[in-house]
Protein backbone atom coordinates (compact mmCIF):
# COMPACT_ATOMS: atom_id res chain seq x y z
CA MET A 1 -20.90 2.26 40.17
CA HIS A 2 -20.24 1.58 36.51
CA ASP A 3 -17.89 -1.34 35.86
CA VAL A 4 -15.36 -0.55 33.14
CA LEU A 5 -14.24 -3.74 31.40
CA LYS A 6 -11.14 -3.95 29.23
CA TYR A 7 -10.92 -6.16 26.15
CA VAL A 8 -8.73 -6.55 23.10
CA ALA A 9 -10.65 -7.26 19.90
CA PHE A 10 -9.76 -9.16 16.72
CA THR A 11 -7.35 -11.42 18.55
CA SER A 12 -7.35 -14.59 20.65
CA THR A 13 -4.42 -13.49 22.83
CA ALA A 14 -3.95 -10.50 25.11
CA SER A 15 -0.75 -9.53 23.29
CA GLY A 16 -2.56 -8.74 20.03
CA GLY A 17 -5.62 -6.90 18.84
CA ASN A 18 -7.07 -3.48 19.58
CA ALA A 19 -7.99 -2.54 23.13
CA ALA A 20 -11.39 -1.09 24.03
CA GLY A 21 -13.10 -0.13 27.22
CA VAL A 22 -16.60 -1.56 27.64
CA VAL A 23 -19.35 -0.42 29.99
CA LEU A 24 -22.25 -2.87 29.66
CA ASP A 25 -24.73 -0.65 31.51
CA ALA A 26 -23.90 3.03 31.11
CA ARG A 27 -27.23 4.37 32.32
CA GLY A 28 -26.65 7.48 34.41
CA LEU A 29 -23.35 8.43 32.76
CA SER A 30 -23.16 11.87 31.15
CA ASP A 31 -21.35 12.61 27.90
CA GLY A 32 -18.57 14.23 29.90
CA GLN A 33 -18.20 11.21 32.14
CA MET A 34 -18.03 8.82 29.19
CA LEU A 35 -15.42 10.99 27.50
CA ALA A 36 -13.43 11.12 30.75
CA ILE A 37 -13.51 7.31 31.05
CA ALA A 38 -12.33 6.94 27.44
CA ALA A 39 -9.58 9.51 27.95
CA ASP A 40 -8.43 7.84 31.17
CA LEU A 41 -8.23 4.45 29.44
CA GLY A 42 -6.41 5.95 26.47
CA TYR A 43 -7.67 3.33 24.02
CA SER A 44 -8.62 4.35 20.49
CA GLU A 45 -12.29 3.83 21.41
CA SER A 46 -14.48 2.65 24.24
CA ALA A 47 -18.10 1.46 24.05
CA PHE A 48 -20.96 2.38 26.35
CA LEU A 49 -24.18 0.36 26.26
CA PHE A 50 -27.64 1.52 27.33
CA PRO A 51 -30.12 -1.38 27.64
CA GLU A 52 -33.37 -0.81 25.75
CA GLY A 53 -34.97 -4.26 25.88
CA GLU A 54 -34.04 -7.91 25.67
CA HIS A 55 -30.81 -8.10 23.62
CA ALA A 56 -31.36 -4.50 22.46
CA TYR A 57 -29.06 -1.60 23.30
CA GLN A 58 -28.14 1.90 22.36
CA ILE A 59 -24.36 1.94 21.98
CA ARG A 60 -22.14 5.00 22.01
CA TYR A 61 -18.44 5.20 21.24
CA PHE A 62 -15.84 7.62 22.58
CA SER A 63 -12.20 8.09 21.64
CA PRO A 64 -9.96 9.90 24.12
CA LEU A 65 -10.85 13.14 22.32
CA ALA A 66 -14.41 12.89 21.04
CA GLU A 67 -17.50 10.79 20.39
CA VAL A 68 -17.53 8.81 17.13
CA ALA A 69 -20.57 7.51 15.28
CA PHE A 70 -19.47 3.90 14.85
CA CYS A 71 -16.54 1.71 15.87
CA GLY A 72 -16.07 -1.88 14.78
CA HIS A 73 -13.50 -3.17 17.27
CA ALA A 74 -15.35 -1.72 20.28
CA THR A 75 -18.55 -3.33 18.96
CA ILE A 76 -16.81 -6.70 18.77
CA ALA A 77 -15.34 -6.23 22.26
CA ALA A 78 -18.69 -5.23 23.77
CA SER A 79 -20.51 -8.08 22.02
CA VAL A 80 -18.01 -10.69 23.20
CA ALA A 81 -18.31 -9.32 26.74
CA LEU A 82 -22.09 -9.65 26.45
CA GLY A 83 -21.80 -13.15 25.01
CA GLU A 84 -19.69 -14.29 27.95
CA ARG A 85 -22.56 -13.26 30.19
CA ILE A 86 -25.72 -14.08 28.21
CA GLY A 87 -24.50 -16.82 25.87
CA PRO A 88 -25.17 -17.09 22.12
CA ALA A 89 -27.62 -14.45 20.94
CA VAL A 90 -28.53 -11.97 18.25
CA VAL A 91 -28.12 -8.48 19.64
CA ASP A 92 -29.58 -5.31 18.12
CA LEU A 93 -27.47 -2.20 18.59
CA ARG A 94 -28.62 1.35 17.91
CA THR A 95 -25.65 3.46 16.82
CA GLN A 96 -25.44 7.04 15.59
CA ALA A 97 -24.62 5.58 12.17
CA GLY A 98 -27.76 3.43 12.14
CA PRO A 99 -28.84 -0.01 13.36
CA VAL A 100 -26.16 -2.69 13.71
CA GLN A 101 -27.06 -6.31 14.37
CA VAL A 102 -24.51 -8.63 15.97
CA GLU A 103 -24.61 -12.42 16.02
CA ILE A 104 -22.80 -13.87 19.04
CA THR A 105 -21.69 -17.50 18.83
CA LYS A 106 -19.70 -19.82 21.09
CA GLY A 107 -17.10 -22.40 20.10
CA ASP A 108 -13.64 -22.53 21.59
CA GLY A 109 -14.35 -18.94 22.58
CA VAL A 110 -16.90 -16.26 21.83
CA THR A 111 -17.07 -14.85 18.29
CA ALA A 112 -19.07 -11.78 17.33
CA THR A 113 -20.18 -11.00 13.77
CA LEU A 114 -21.56 -7.52 13.18
CA THR A 115 -23.51 -6.39 10.15
CA SER A 116 -22.29 -2.91 9.28
CA PRO A 117 -24.30 0.12 8.26
CA PRO A 118 -24.71 0.40 4.45
CA ALA A 119 -21.42 0.82 2.60
CA SER A 120 -20.75 3.44 -0.08
CA ILE A 121 -17.76 4.90 -1.91
CA ARG A 122 -16.73 7.93 -3.94
CA PRO A 123 -13.48 8.63 -5.81
CA ALA A 124 -11.03 10.71 -3.81
CA THR A 125 -10.23 14.04 -5.42
CA ASP A 126 -6.77 14.78 -6.77
CA ASP A 127 -6.34 17.42 -4.07
CA GLU A 128 -7.31 14.99 -1.31
CA VAL A 129 -4.84 12.41 -2.57
CA ARG A 130 -2.06 14.96 -3.03
CA ARG A 131 -2.47 16.36 0.49
CA ALA A 132 -2.76 12.91 2.06
CA LEU A 133 0.38 11.67 0.32
CA ALA A 134 2.27 14.79 1.41
CA ALA A 135 1.27 14.18 5.04
CA LEU A 136 2.17 10.49 4.76
CA ARG A 137 5.46 11.40 3.06
CA TRP A 138 4.67 8.90 0.29
CA PRO A 139 5.55 9.61 -3.36
CA ALA A 140 2.66 9.05 -5.75
CA GLU A 141 4.52 6.20 -7.48
CA ASP A 142 4.30 4.18 -4.25
CA LEU A 143 0.55 3.73 -4.78
CA ASP A 144 -0.84 0.61 -6.47
CA PRO A 145 -2.73 1.78 -9.59
CA ALA A 146 -4.86 -1.37 -9.53
CA TYR A 147 -6.75 0.05 -6.53
CA PRO A 148 -7.69 3.70 -7.15
CA PRO A 149 -7.97 6.05 -4.14
CA HIS A 150 -11.51 6.39 -2.80
CA VAL A 151 -13.33 7.57 0.26
CA ALA A 152 -15.28 4.60 1.62
CA ASN A 153 -18.01 4.58 4.24
CA ALA A 154 -19.75 1.90 6.30
CA GLY A 155 -20.68 4.09 9.24
CA ASN A 156 -17.71 6.46 8.99
CA ASP A 157 -15.66 7.94 6.14
CA HIS A 158 -12.19 6.47 5.51
CA LEU A 159 -9.72 7.47 2.81
CA VAL A 160 -8.57 4.24 1.14
CA LEU A 161 -5.04 4.17 -0.33
CA ALA A 162 -3.26 1.11 -1.74
CA ALA A 163 0.47 0.67 -1.19
CA ALA A 164 2.32 -0.90 -4.12
CA THR A 165 4.54 -3.01 -1.86
CA ARG A 166 4.49 -4.54 1.61
CA GLU A 167 7.68 -2.58 2.34
CA ARG A 168 5.93 0.71 1.60
CA LEU A 169 3.14 -0.19 4.01
CA ALA A 170 5.61 -1.22 6.72
CA ASP A 171 7.48 2.08 6.54
CA LEU A 172 4.93 4.42 8.13
CA ASP A 173 6.32 7.73 9.40
CA TYR A 174 3.75 10.44 8.81
CA ASP A 175 3.15 14.06 9.80
CA PHE A 176 0.60 13.60 12.61
CA ASP A 177 -0.55 17.23 12.70
CA ALA A 178 -0.83 17.63 8.92
CA LEU A 179 -2.74 14.39 8.39
CA GLY A 180 -4.93 15.10 11.41
CA ALA A 181 -5.84 18.55 10.08
CA LEU A 182 -6.73 17.14 6.66
CA MET A 183 -8.83 14.36 8.19
CA ALA A 184 -10.66 16.80 10.45
CA GLU A 185 -11.40 19.04 7.47
CA ARG A 186 -12.67 16.15 5.34
CA GLY A 187 -14.44 14.23 8.13
CA TRP A 188 -12.36 11.06 7.76
CA THR A 189 -12.16 8.75 10.76
CA THR A 190 -9.05 6.88 9.57
CA VAL A 191 -6.88 6.64 6.50
CA HIS A 192 -7.03 3.00 5.50
CA LEU A 193 -3.67 2.05 4.01
CA PHE A 194 -3.42 -1.45 2.58
CA TRP A 195 -1.34 -3.83 0.52
CA ALA A 196 -2.92 -6.65 -1.49
CA GLU A 197 -1.28 -10.01 -0.83
CA SER A 198 -3.95 -11.58 -3.05
CA SER A 199 -7.44 -10.72 -4.25
CA THR A 200 -8.92 -11.60 -0.84
CA VAL A 201 -5.99 -11.32 1.60
CA PHE A 202 -4.81 -7.87 2.63
CA HIS A 203 -2.48 -6.17 5.09
CA ALA A 204 -3.67 -2.87 6.50
CA ARG A 205 -2.66 0.07 8.68
CA ASP A 206 -4.97 2.82 9.91
CA PRO A 207 -3.58 6.16 11.10
CA PHE A 208 -6.09 7.67 13.55
CA PRO A 209 -5.01 11.21 14.55
CA PRO A 210 -8.63 12.44 14.98
CA GLY A 211 -8.85 10.10 17.97
CA GLY A 212 -5.50 11.22 19.35
CA VAL A 213 -3.95 7.88 18.38
CA VAL A 214 -1.05 7.50 15.94
CA GLU A 215 -2.31 4.17 14.62
CA ASP A 216 -5.19 1.79 15.23
CA PRO A 217 -4.12 -1.89 15.44
CA ALA A 218 -7.51 -3.27 14.27
CA THR A 219 -10.27 -1.23 12.68
CA GLY A 220 -13.58 -3.01 12.10
CA ALA A 221 -15.38 0.02 10.68
CA ALA A 222 -12.60 0.61 8.15
CA ALA A 223 -12.58 -3.11 7.28
CA ALA A 224 -16.30 -2.94 6.49
CA ALA A 225 -15.87 0.22 4.41
CA PHE A 226 -12.88 -1.31 2.60
CA THR A 227 -14.84 -4.47 1.80
CA GLY A 228 -17.63 -2.31 0.40
CA TYR A 229 -14.98 -0.54 -1.70
CA LEU A 230 -13.70 -3.84 -3.10
CA ARG A 231 -17.21 -4.97 -4.01
CA ALA A 232 -18.17 -1.64 -5.58
CA LEU A 233 -15.07 -1.79 -7.78
CA GLY A 234 -16.03 -5.29 -8.93
CA ARG A 235 -13.08 -6.92 -7.18
CA LEU A 236 -15.16 -9.00 -4.79
CA GLY A 237 -18.24 -11.12 -5.21
CA ASP A 238 -21.09 -11.63 -2.76
CA GLY A 239 -20.16 -14.27 -0.22
CA GLU A 240 -16.41 -14.05 -0.78
CA VAL A 241 -14.48 -13.87 2.48
CA VAL A 242 -11.85 -11.16 2.93
CA THR A 243 -8.99 -11.65 5.38
CA ILE A 244 -7.32 -8.52 6.74
CA HIS A 245 -4.09 -8.64 8.75
CA GLN A 246 -3.56 -5.47 10.74
CA GLY A 247 -1.43 -4.33 13.68
CA ALA A 248 1.60 -6.54 12.98
CA ASP A 249 3.84 -3.58 12.18
CA MET A 250 3.08 -2.03 15.57
CA GLY A 251 3.44 -5.25 17.54
CA ARG A 252 -0.30 -5.87 17.98
CA PRO A 253 -1.17 -8.53 15.37
CA SER A 254 -4.87 -8.61 14.60
CA LEU A 255 -7.08 -10.67 12.31
CA LEU A 256 -10.33 -9.44 10.77
CA THR A 257 -12.59 -11.36 8.41
CA THR A 258 -15.31 -9.70 6.36
CA THR A 259 -18.00 -10.84 3.94
CA PRO A 260 -20.30 -8.77 1.73
CA VAL A 261 -23.98 -9.36 2.45
CA PRO A 262 -25.55 -10.80 -0.74
CA GLY A 263 -28.00 -8.43 -2.40
CA ASP A 264 -27.17 -5.68 0.09
CA THR A 265 -24.54 -2.96 0.50
CA ARG A 266 -23.81 -3.96 4.09
CA VAL A 267 -20.83 -6.03 5.21
CA LYS A 268 -20.38 -8.66 7.92
CA VAL A 269 -17.27 -8.26 10.09
CA SER A 270 -16.21 -11.10 12.39
CA GLY A 271 -13.75 -11.33 15.22
CA THR A 272 -12.99 -12.57 18.69
CA ALA A 273 -11.95 -10.66 21.80
CA VAL A 274 -10.34 -11.46 25.13
CA PRO A 275 -10.37 -9.62 28.46
CA ILE A 276 -7.23 -7.88 29.69
CA GLN A 277 -6.22 -6.46 33.06
């Protein structure tokens, strides 16, 4: 019998955050069984852990439709669930995107801080931007020219687009099939839409049609990739803390904090999680 736990990540209350299923010992489960569990839960991703030694695990992630290489919020959820059982620890996770180390600490609750796979960026092509904007139903003038469109990666590819106003970000009504087809063609996990409140405080939304989900309320992998994007563009120094507010527009307020690793391309992503029924 494999216990399926349910957590919401990047929140301290059950009414916020991003839900994930967590199986702390998935040994004996087939790919089809894991996909079926994820589909039955209906969350954007669920995490399945395979113990490999003391505080060492292989971790696999499934959306309701497919396996994904890396997922930040499910990593936070799984790590908090572990921390509630084993206490503070440093946990080594083996993901399809590479090794991910997580520091689990306890204060008022359990906090997990993951160190992402290496981050990288490339400019988005004019065709990619044109097709994405058409699917989003955004005119080009609604983009913020201070943050040029890029494809950013810290385990998965994400198209990064900056909204010029908070109102533009709040008004999200996109063509699910068109954006999903473009993302499948280009291999993007989410489109990371954001508005800059300041140089280190951002509001974000992440359409996620490849996972069968209209929108993700908290996206740790995209937050890591986005932070790598900011640093690569010279907009963020090593050690500066980025605050990302996500999910508010869909009624699931979430809070993510990220920090570039000094002298490295990786990014630390921190958050809490709480169990739900």
